[in-house]
N, C-alpha and C. Protein backbone atom coordinates (compact mmCIF):
# COMPACT_ATOMS: atom_id res chain seq x y z
N MET A 1 -5.46 -113.01 -73.80
CA MET A 1 -5.72 -113.35 -72.42
C MET A 1 -5.94 -112.05 -71.64
N PRO A 2 -7.03 -111.98 -70.91
CA PRO A 2 -7.31 -110.76 -70.14
C PRO A 2 -6.27 -110.54 -69.04
N LEU A 3 -6.07 -109.28 -68.72
CA LEU A 3 -5.15 -108.94 -67.63
C LEU A 3 -5.81 -109.24 -66.29
N ASN A 4 -5.01 -109.72 -65.34
CA ASN A 4 -5.56 -109.89 -64.00
C ASN A 4 -5.53 -108.53 -63.29
N ARG A 5 -6.05 -108.49 -62.09
CA ARG A 5 -6.18 -107.22 -61.35
C ARG A 5 -4.82 -106.54 -61.13
N THR A 6 -3.82 -107.32 -60.74
CA THR A 6 -2.49 -106.76 -60.51
C THR A 6 -1.90 -106.19 -61.79
N GLU A 7 -2.02 -106.94 -62.88
CA GLU A 7 -1.50 -106.47 -64.17
C GLU A 7 -2.22 -105.20 -64.62
N THR A 8 -3.51 -105.15 -64.39
CA THR A 8 -4.29 -103.96 -64.76
C THR A 8 -3.82 -102.75 -63.97
N GLN A 9 -3.56 -102.92 -62.68
CA GLN A 9 -3.09 -101.80 -61.86
C GLN A 9 -1.69 -101.35 -62.28
N ILE A 10 -0.84 -102.31 -62.62
CA ILE A 10 0.50 -101.96 -63.11
C ILE A 10 0.39 -101.19 -64.42
N LEU A 11 -0.47 -101.65 -65.31
CA LEU A 11 -0.67 -100.95 -66.58
C LEU A 11 -1.15 -99.53 -66.34
N ARG A 12 -2.14 -99.36 -65.48
CA ARG A 12 -2.67 -98.03 -65.19
C ARG A 12 -1.57 -97.13 -64.61
N LYS A 13 -0.76 -97.67 -63.72
CA LYS A 13 0.34 -96.90 -63.13
C LYS A 13 1.32 -96.44 -64.21
N HIS A 14 1.68 -97.35 -65.11
CA HIS A 14 2.62 -96.99 -66.18
C HIS A 14 2.02 -95.98 -67.16
N LEU A 15 0.73 -96.09 -67.43
CA LEU A 15 0.08 -95.10 -68.30
C LEU A 15 0.13 -93.71 -67.67
N ILE A 16 -0.14 -93.65 -66.37
CA ILE A 16 -0.09 -92.36 -65.67
C ILE A 16 1.32 -91.79 -65.70
N GLU A 17 2.31 -92.64 -65.43
CA GLU A 17 3.70 -92.18 -65.47
C GLU A 17 4.09 -91.70 -66.86
N SER A 18 3.63 -92.40 -67.88
CA SER A 18 3.94 -91.99 -69.26
C SER A 18 3.27 -90.67 -69.61
N LEU A 19 2.02 -90.53 -69.21
CA LEU A 19 1.27 -89.31 -69.52
C LEU A 19 1.84 -88.11 -68.79
N SER A 20 2.23 -88.30 -67.54
CA SER A 20 2.70 -87.18 -66.73
C SER A 20 4.19 -86.91 -66.91
N GLY A 21 4.91 -87.84 -67.50
CA GLY A 21 6.34 -87.67 -67.65
C GLY A 21 7.12 -88.13 -66.44
N GLU A 22 6.43 -88.66 -65.43
CA GLU A 22 7.12 -89.20 -64.26
C GLU A 22 8.03 -90.33 -64.71
N LYS A 23 9.13 -90.47 -64.03
CA LYS A 23 10.12 -91.51 -64.32
C LYS A 23 10.80 -91.27 -65.67
N ALA A 24 10.47 -90.17 -66.30
CA ALA A 24 11.10 -89.83 -67.58
C ALA A 24 12.22 -88.84 -67.31
N HIS A 25 12.85 -88.44 -68.35
CA HIS A 25 14.00 -87.56 -68.19
C HIS A 25 13.61 -86.17 -67.69
N ILE A 26 12.45 -85.65 -68.08
CA ILE A 26 12.01 -84.35 -67.55
C ILE A 26 10.50 -84.23 -67.73
N THR A 27 9.86 -83.55 -66.81
CA THR A 27 8.41 -83.36 -66.90
C THR A 27 8.09 -82.00 -67.51
N PHE A 28 6.87 -81.89 -67.99
CA PHE A 28 6.36 -80.63 -68.51
C PHE A 28 6.48 -79.54 -67.44
N GLU A 29 6.11 -79.87 -66.20
CA GLU A 29 6.16 -78.89 -65.11
C GLU A 29 7.56 -78.34 -64.92
N ARG A 30 8.56 -79.22 -64.97
CA ARG A 30 9.94 -78.76 -64.79
C ARG A 30 10.39 -77.87 -65.94
N VAL A 31 9.95 -78.19 -67.14
CA VAL A 31 10.36 -77.38 -68.29
C VAL A 31 9.76 -75.98 -68.22
N VAL A 32 8.49 -75.88 -67.88
CA VAL A 32 7.84 -74.56 -67.89
C VAL A 32 8.04 -73.77 -66.60
N ALA A 33 8.50 -74.43 -65.53
CA ALA A 33 8.58 -73.78 -64.21
C ALA A 33 9.40 -72.49 -64.23
N ASP A 34 10.52 -72.50 -64.86
CA ASP A 34 11.36 -71.29 -64.88
C ASP A 34 11.70 -70.90 -66.32
N PHE A 35 10.71 -71.11 -67.19
CA PHE A 35 10.92 -70.76 -68.60
C PHE A 35 11.12 -69.25 -68.70
N PRO A 36 12.08 -68.79 -69.47
CA PRO A 36 12.29 -67.34 -69.60
C PRO A 36 11.10 -66.67 -70.29
N LEU A 37 10.34 -65.91 -69.53
CA LEU A 37 9.09 -65.32 -70.03
C LEU A 37 9.31 -64.33 -71.16
N ASN A 38 10.49 -63.76 -71.23
CA ASN A 38 10.78 -62.84 -72.33
C ASN A 38 10.98 -63.57 -73.66
N ALA A 39 10.96 -64.91 -73.61
CA ALA A 39 11.20 -65.70 -74.82
C ALA A 39 9.99 -66.51 -75.27
N ILE A 40 8.85 -66.37 -74.60
CA ILE A 40 7.73 -67.27 -74.92
C ILE A 40 7.20 -67.10 -76.35
N ASN A 41 7.42 -65.95 -76.95
CA ASN A 41 6.95 -65.72 -78.32
C ASN A 41 8.07 -65.76 -79.35
N LYS A 42 9.28 -66.04 -78.91
CA LYS A 42 10.43 -66.05 -79.83
C LYS A 42 10.52 -67.37 -80.58
N LYS A 43 11.08 -67.27 -81.78
CA LYS A 43 11.33 -68.46 -82.59
C LYS A 43 12.83 -68.55 -82.87
N VAL A 44 13.27 -69.76 -83.14
CA VAL A 44 14.65 -70.02 -83.49
C VAL A 44 14.69 -70.34 -84.98
N ALA A 45 15.69 -69.85 -85.67
CA ALA A 45 15.82 -70.12 -87.10
C ALA A 45 15.74 -71.62 -87.37
N GLY A 46 14.91 -71.99 -88.32
CA GLY A 46 14.76 -73.38 -88.70
C GLY A 46 13.75 -74.16 -87.88
N ILE A 47 13.20 -73.53 -86.83
CA ILE A 47 12.18 -74.18 -86.00
C ILE A 47 10.91 -73.35 -86.14
N PRO A 48 9.82 -73.95 -86.62
CA PRO A 48 8.64 -73.16 -86.97
C PRO A 48 7.80 -72.65 -85.80
N HIS A 49 8.04 -73.16 -84.59
CA HIS A 49 7.14 -72.82 -83.49
C HIS A 49 7.87 -72.16 -82.33
N SER A 50 7.18 -71.22 -81.71
CA SER A 50 7.67 -70.58 -80.48
C SER A 50 7.28 -71.45 -79.29
N PRO A 51 7.86 -71.17 -78.11
CA PRO A 51 7.42 -71.89 -76.91
C PRO A 51 5.91 -71.75 -76.69
N TRP A 52 5.38 -70.55 -76.90
CA TRP A 52 3.93 -70.34 -76.76
C TRP A 52 3.16 -71.25 -77.71
N ASP A 53 3.59 -71.32 -78.95
CA ASP A 53 2.92 -72.18 -79.92
C ASP A 53 2.85 -73.62 -79.40
N LEU A 54 3.96 -74.10 -78.86
CA LEU A 54 4.01 -75.49 -78.40
C LEU A 54 3.12 -75.73 -77.19
N VAL A 55 3.18 -74.84 -76.20
CA VAL A 55 2.36 -75.01 -75.00
C VAL A 55 0.87 -74.98 -75.35
N GLU A 56 0.48 -74.00 -76.13
CA GLU A 56 -0.94 -73.89 -76.47
C GLU A 56 -1.38 -75.04 -77.37
N HIS A 57 -0.52 -75.47 -78.27
CA HIS A 57 -0.83 -76.64 -79.11
C HIS A 57 -1.04 -77.88 -78.25
N MET A 58 -0.18 -78.08 -77.26
CA MET A 58 -0.33 -79.23 -76.37
C MET A 58 -1.67 -79.17 -75.63
N ARG A 59 -2.03 -77.99 -75.16
CA ARG A 59 -3.30 -77.82 -74.45
C ARG A 59 -4.48 -78.10 -75.38
N LEU A 60 -4.45 -77.51 -76.57
CA LEU A 60 -5.56 -77.67 -77.51
C LEU A 60 -5.72 -79.13 -77.95
N ALA A 61 -4.62 -79.79 -78.25
CA ALA A 61 -4.68 -81.18 -78.70
C ALA A 61 -5.21 -82.10 -77.59
N GLN A 62 -4.75 -81.86 -76.38
CA GLN A 62 -5.20 -82.67 -75.25
C GLN A 62 -6.69 -82.44 -74.98
N ARG A 63 -7.13 -81.19 -75.03
CA ARG A 63 -8.55 -80.87 -74.83
C ARG A 63 -9.38 -81.57 -75.90
N ASP A 64 -8.86 -81.61 -77.13
CA ASP A 64 -9.56 -82.27 -78.22
C ASP A 64 -9.70 -83.77 -77.95
N ILE A 65 -8.66 -84.40 -77.44
CA ILE A 65 -8.72 -85.83 -77.13
C ILE A 65 -9.75 -86.10 -76.04
N ILE A 66 -9.78 -85.25 -75.01
CA ILE A 66 -10.77 -85.42 -73.94
C ILE A 66 -12.18 -85.31 -74.52
N ASP A 67 -12.38 -84.32 -75.37
CA ASP A 67 -13.69 -84.15 -76.00
C ASP A 67 -14.03 -85.37 -76.86
N PHE A 68 -13.05 -85.86 -77.60
CA PHE A 68 -13.23 -87.04 -78.45
C PHE A 68 -13.67 -88.25 -77.62
N ILE A 69 -13.04 -88.43 -76.45
CA ILE A 69 -13.36 -89.57 -75.58
C ILE A 69 -14.75 -89.41 -74.96
N GLN A 70 -15.08 -88.22 -74.49
CA GLN A 70 -16.25 -88.04 -73.64
C GLN A 70 -17.51 -87.55 -74.34
N ASN A 71 -17.38 -86.92 -75.47
CA ASN A 71 -18.52 -86.23 -76.08
C ASN A 71 -19.11 -87.04 -77.24
N PRO A 72 -20.32 -87.58 -77.07
CA PRO A 72 -20.94 -88.31 -78.18
C PRO A 72 -21.26 -87.42 -79.38
N ASN A 73 -21.28 -86.11 -79.18
CA ASN A 73 -21.52 -85.17 -80.27
C ASN A 73 -20.23 -84.49 -80.73
N TYR A 74 -19.11 -85.18 -80.53
CA TYR A 74 -17.79 -84.64 -80.88
C TYR A 74 -17.75 -84.15 -82.32
N ARG A 75 -17.15 -82.98 -82.49
CA ARG A 75 -16.93 -82.42 -83.82
C ARG A 75 -15.43 -82.29 -84.02
N GLU A 76 -14.97 -82.89 -85.10
CA GLU A 76 -13.54 -82.87 -85.40
C GLU A 76 -13.06 -81.44 -85.63
N MET A 77 -11.92 -81.13 -85.02
CA MET A 77 -11.31 -79.81 -85.22
C MET A 77 -10.61 -79.78 -86.57
N LYS A 78 -10.42 -78.58 -87.10
CA LYS A 78 -9.79 -78.41 -88.40
C LYS A 78 -8.27 -78.35 -88.23
N TRP A 79 -7.58 -79.24 -88.93
CA TRP A 79 -6.12 -79.26 -88.90
C TRP A 79 -5.58 -78.37 -90.02
N PRO A 80 -4.58 -77.57 -89.76
CA PRO A 80 -3.90 -77.31 -88.49
C PRO A 80 -4.47 -76.11 -87.73
N ASP A 81 -5.40 -75.41 -88.35
CA ASP A 81 -5.85 -74.11 -87.81
C ASP A 81 -6.34 -74.17 -86.37
N ASP A 82 -7.10 -75.20 -86.02
CA ASP A 82 -7.68 -75.26 -84.67
C ASP A 82 -6.72 -75.82 -83.63
N TYR A 83 -5.54 -76.25 -84.06
CA TYR A 83 -4.60 -76.89 -83.13
C TYR A 83 -3.39 -76.02 -82.79
N TRP A 84 -3.27 -74.88 -83.42
CA TRP A 84 -2.12 -74.00 -83.17
C TRP A 84 -2.62 -72.58 -82.97
N PRO A 85 -2.02 -71.84 -82.04
CA PRO A 85 -2.42 -70.44 -81.85
C PRO A 85 -2.01 -69.62 -83.07
N ASN A 86 -2.74 -68.57 -83.32
CA ASN A 86 -2.43 -67.74 -84.50
C ASN A 86 -1.91 -66.37 -84.12
N ALA A 87 -1.57 -66.18 -82.86
CA ALA A 87 -1.05 -64.88 -82.42
C ALA A 87 -0.10 -65.10 -81.25
N GLU A 88 0.70 -64.09 -80.99
CA GLU A 88 1.57 -64.13 -79.82
C GLU A 88 0.73 -64.00 -78.55
N THR A 89 1.37 -64.17 -77.41
CA THR A 89 0.64 -64.13 -76.15
C THR A 89 1.34 -63.25 -75.13
N ASP A 90 0.70 -63.14 -73.97
CA ASP A 90 1.29 -62.44 -72.84
C ASP A 90 1.49 -63.45 -71.71
N THR A 91 2.13 -63.02 -70.64
CA THR A 91 2.44 -63.91 -69.53
C THR A 91 1.18 -64.50 -68.91
N LYS A 92 0.14 -63.70 -68.77
CA LYS A 92 -1.11 -64.18 -68.16
C LYS A 92 -1.69 -65.35 -68.96
N THR A 93 -1.79 -65.19 -70.26
CA THR A 93 -2.36 -66.24 -71.11
C THR A 93 -1.44 -67.46 -71.17
N TRP A 94 -0.14 -67.23 -71.18
CA TRP A 94 0.85 -68.33 -71.11
C TRP A 94 0.57 -69.18 -69.87
N ASN A 95 0.45 -68.52 -68.72
CA ASN A 95 0.21 -69.23 -67.46
C ASN A 95 -1.15 -69.93 -67.46
N GLU A 96 -2.17 -69.30 -68.02
CA GLU A 96 -3.49 -69.92 -68.11
C GLU A 96 -3.46 -71.17 -68.99
N SER A 97 -2.69 -71.12 -70.06
CA SER A 97 -2.58 -72.28 -70.94
C SER A 97 -1.89 -73.43 -70.22
N ILE A 98 -0.83 -73.12 -69.48
CA ILE A 98 -0.13 -74.14 -68.70
C ILE A 98 -1.07 -74.76 -67.67
N GLU A 99 -1.80 -73.92 -66.96
CA GLU A 99 -2.76 -74.42 -65.95
C GLU A 99 -3.85 -75.27 -66.60
N GLY A 100 -4.35 -74.83 -67.76
CA GLY A 100 -5.37 -75.59 -68.47
C GLY A 100 -4.85 -76.94 -68.94
N PHE A 101 -3.63 -76.94 -69.44
CA PHE A 101 -3.01 -78.19 -69.87
C PHE A 101 -2.91 -79.17 -68.70
N MET A 102 -2.42 -78.68 -67.56
CA MET A 102 -2.24 -79.56 -66.40
C MET A 102 -3.58 -80.04 -65.84
N ALA A 103 -4.59 -79.17 -65.85
CA ALA A 103 -5.92 -79.58 -65.38
C ALA A 103 -6.51 -80.66 -66.29
N ASP A 104 -6.36 -80.48 -67.59
CA ASP A 104 -6.88 -81.49 -68.52
C ASP A 104 -6.09 -82.79 -68.43
N ARG A 105 -4.78 -82.69 -68.23
CA ARG A 105 -3.98 -83.90 -68.06
C ARG A 105 -4.44 -84.65 -66.81
N ASN A 106 -4.74 -83.90 -65.75
CA ASN A 106 -5.26 -84.53 -64.53
C ASN A 106 -6.61 -85.21 -64.79
N ALA A 107 -7.42 -84.64 -65.66
CA ALA A 107 -8.69 -85.28 -66.02
C ALA A 107 -8.44 -86.61 -66.72
N LEU A 108 -7.44 -86.66 -67.59
CA LEU A 108 -7.09 -87.93 -68.24
C LEU A 108 -6.56 -88.93 -67.21
N ILE A 109 -5.77 -88.45 -66.27
CA ILE A 109 -5.25 -89.34 -65.22
C ILE A 109 -6.40 -89.90 -64.39
N ARG A 110 -7.40 -89.09 -64.09
CA ARG A 110 -8.56 -89.60 -63.35
C ARG A 110 -9.29 -90.70 -64.13
N LEU A 111 -9.35 -90.56 -65.46
CA LEU A 111 -9.94 -91.63 -66.28
C LEU A 111 -9.14 -92.92 -66.13
N ILE A 112 -7.82 -92.79 -66.18
CA ILE A 112 -6.96 -93.97 -66.04
C ILE A 112 -7.13 -94.60 -64.67
N GLU A 113 -7.24 -93.79 -63.64
CA GLU A 113 -7.35 -94.29 -62.27
C GLU A 113 -8.70 -94.92 -61.96
N ASP A 114 -9.70 -94.62 -62.75
CA ASP A 114 -11.06 -95.10 -62.49
C ASP A 114 -11.17 -96.58 -62.88
N ASN A 115 -11.16 -97.43 -61.87
CA ASN A 115 -11.20 -98.88 -62.12
C ASN A 115 -12.50 -99.35 -62.75
N SER A 116 -13.52 -98.52 -62.75
CA SER A 116 -14.78 -98.91 -63.39
C SER A 116 -14.72 -98.72 -64.91
N ILE A 117 -13.67 -98.09 -65.38
CA ILE A 117 -13.52 -97.85 -66.82
C ILE A 117 -12.60 -98.90 -67.42
N ASN A 118 -13.10 -99.59 -68.44
CA ASN A 118 -12.29 -100.54 -69.19
C ASN A 118 -11.55 -99.75 -70.26
N LEU A 119 -10.26 -99.60 -70.09
CA LEU A 119 -9.46 -98.79 -71.01
C LEU A 119 -9.40 -99.38 -72.42
N PHE A 120 -9.69 -100.68 -72.54
CA PHE A 120 -9.62 -101.36 -73.83
C PHE A 120 -10.97 -101.50 -74.52
N ALA A 121 -12.02 -101.11 -73.84
CA ALA A 121 -13.36 -101.20 -74.45
C ALA A 121 -13.50 -100.13 -75.53
N PRO A 122 -14.23 -100.43 -76.59
CA PRO A 122 -14.48 -99.40 -77.60
C PRO A 122 -15.20 -98.20 -76.97
N ILE A 123 -14.83 -97.02 -77.42
CA ILE A 123 -15.54 -95.81 -76.99
C ILE A 123 -16.91 -95.86 -77.67
N ALA A 124 -17.97 -95.69 -76.91
CA ALA A 124 -19.34 -95.93 -77.40
C ALA A 124 -19.64 -95.22 -78.71
N HIS A 125 -19.30 -93.96 -78.82
CA HIS A 125 -19.68 -93.19 -80.01
C HIS A 125 -18.63 -93.25 -81.13
N VAL A 126 -17.48 -93.86 -80.85
CA VAL A 126 -16.44 -94.08 -81.87
C VAL A 126 -15.83 -95.47 -81.62
N PRO A 127 -16.58 -96.53 -81.96
CA PRO A 127 -16.20 -97.89 -81.55
C PRO A 127 -14.90 -98.43 -82.14
N ASP A 128 -14.30 -97.75 -83.09
CA ASP A 128 -13.00 -98.19 -83.61
C ASP A 128 -11.85 -97.73 -82.72
N TYR A 129 -12.14 -96.99 -81.66
CA TYR A 129 -11.11 -96.40 -80.80
C TYR A 129 -11.34 -96.78 -79.35
N THR A 130 -10.25 -96.76 -78.57
CA THR A 130 -10.32 -97.04 -77.14
C THR A 130 -9.67 -95.90 -76.36
N ILE A 131 -9.99 -95.82 -75.09
CA ILE A 131 -9.34 -94.83 -74.22
C ILE A 131 -7.85 -95.13 -74.14
N PHE A 132 -7.50 -96.42 -74.09
CA PHE A 132 -6.08 -96.80 -74.06
C PHE A 132 -5.33 -96.17 -75.24
N ARG A 133 -5.88 -96.30 -76.42
CA ARG A 133 -5.25 -95.75 -77.62
C ARG A 133 -5.07 -94.24 -77.49
N GLU A 134 -6.09 -93.55 -77.02
CA GLU A 134 -6.03 -92.09 -76.92
C GLU A 134 -5.01 -91.65 -75.87
N ILE A 135 -4.89 -92.40 -74.78
CA ILE A 135 -3.90 -92.08 -73.75
C ILE A 135 -2.49 -92.26 -74.31
N ILE A 136 -2.26 -93.33 -75.05
CA ILE A 136 -0.94 -93.56 -75.65
C ILE A 136 -0.59 -92.43 -76.62
N ILE A 137 -1.55 -92.03 -77.42
CA ILE A 137 -1.32 -90.91 -78.35
C ILE A 137 -0.93 -89.66 -77.57
N MET A 138 -1.65 -89.36 -76.50
CA MET A 138 -1.35 -88.16 -75.70
C MET A 138 0.01 -88.26 -75.02
N ALA A 139 0.35 -89.43 -74.49
CA ALA A 139 1.65 -89.58 -73.84
C ALA A 139 2.78 -89.34 -74.84
N ASN A 140 2.65 -89.89 -76.04
CA ASN A 140 3.66 -89.65 -77.08
C ASN A 140 3.72 -88.18 -77.47
N HIS A 141 2.56 -87.58 -77.63
CA HIS A 141 2.46 -86.17 -78.01
C HIS A 141 3.11 -85.29 -76.95
N HIS A 142 2.79 -85.55 -75.68
CA HIS A 142 3.37 -84.77 -74.58
C HIS A 142 4.89 -84.89 -74.58
N SER A 143 5.37 -86.11 -74.72
CA SER A 143 6.81 -86.35 -74.67
C SER A 143 7.53 -85.60 -75.80
N TYR A 144 7.00 -85.70 -76.98
CA TYR A 144 7.60 -85.06 -78.15
C TYR A 144 7.69 -83.54 -77.96
N HIS A 145 6.58 -82.92 -77.62
CA HIS A 145 6.57 -81.46 -77.52
C HIS A 145 7.25 -80.96 -76.24
N THR A 146 7.25 -81.74 -75.17
CA THR A 146 7.99 -81.35 -73.97
C THR A 146 9.48 -81.31 -74.30
N GLY A 147 9.94 -82.27 -75.08
CA GLY A 147 11.34 -82.26 -75.53
C GLY A 147 11.66 -81.04 -76.37
N GLN A 148 10.74 -80.66 -77.26
CA GLN A 148 10.95 -79.45 -78.05
C GLN A 148 11.04 -78.22 -77.15
N LEU A 149 10.15 -78.14 -76.18
CA LEU A 149 10.17 -77.01 -75.24
C LEU A 149 11.48 -76.95 -74.47
N LEU A 150 11.97 -78.11 -74.06
CA LEU A 150 13.24 -78.15 -73.33
C LEU A 150 14.38 -77.60 -74.18
N TYR A 151 14.44 -77.99 -75.44
CA TYR A 151 15.49 -77.47 -76.31
C TYR A 151 15.37 -75.95 -76.47
N LEU A 152 14.16 -75.46 -76.66
CA LEU A 152 13.99 -74.01 -76.79
C LEU A 152 14.38 -73.30 -75.49
N LYS A 153 14.03 -73.88 -74.37
CA LYS A 153 14.40 -73.29 -73.08
C LYS A 153 15.92 -73.19 -72.97
N ARG A 154 16.61 -74.24 -73.35
CA ARG A 154 18.08 -74.22 -73.29
C ARG A 154 18.66 -73.15 -74.20
N VAL A 155 18.10 -73.00 -75.38
CA VAL A 155 18.57 -71.97 -76.31
C VAL A 155 18.36 -70.58 -75.71
N PHE A 156 17.17 -70.33 -75.19
CA PHE A 156 16.83 -68.99 -74.71
C PHE A 156 17.47 -68.66 -73.36
N LYS A 157 17.87 -69.66 -72.61
CA LYS A 157 18.53 -69.39 -71.32
C LYS A 157 20.04 -69.25 -71.48
N SER A 158 20.56 -69.60 -72.64
CA SER A 158 22.03 -69.55 -72.82
C SER A 158 22.51 -68.14 -73.12
């Protein structure tokens, strides 16, 4: 049964909240806001990724999803090489990655907010997939890695 207008708006609102981390225990913005910059390249024993690795991975994966949704000439990135940084970073690049992540997340939110877009319709160039599916994947991905960042922040601030 198709959703009525009210149900569709509620769904869109919940998707935005899930993607942005609103109404959740903590948002990406809160985690990175006062992250100890002297620790962005540090790793913890038993954990394979630094805070920088996680932030840049989140940005790269999200950018890939946007490209997947919007680009009829999409080219699949190589896993894992194209999804993780291969070097340490500096504060400037850390901040640029955070800004890029948030700008791209806002682009996804604009897609959700656009009532002319049917979130359940097949994506024209990849008809086995929908925007709804890609948004859910990103919301889960954001939540998982934001939680990892929070744990690393707690370790490095202690």
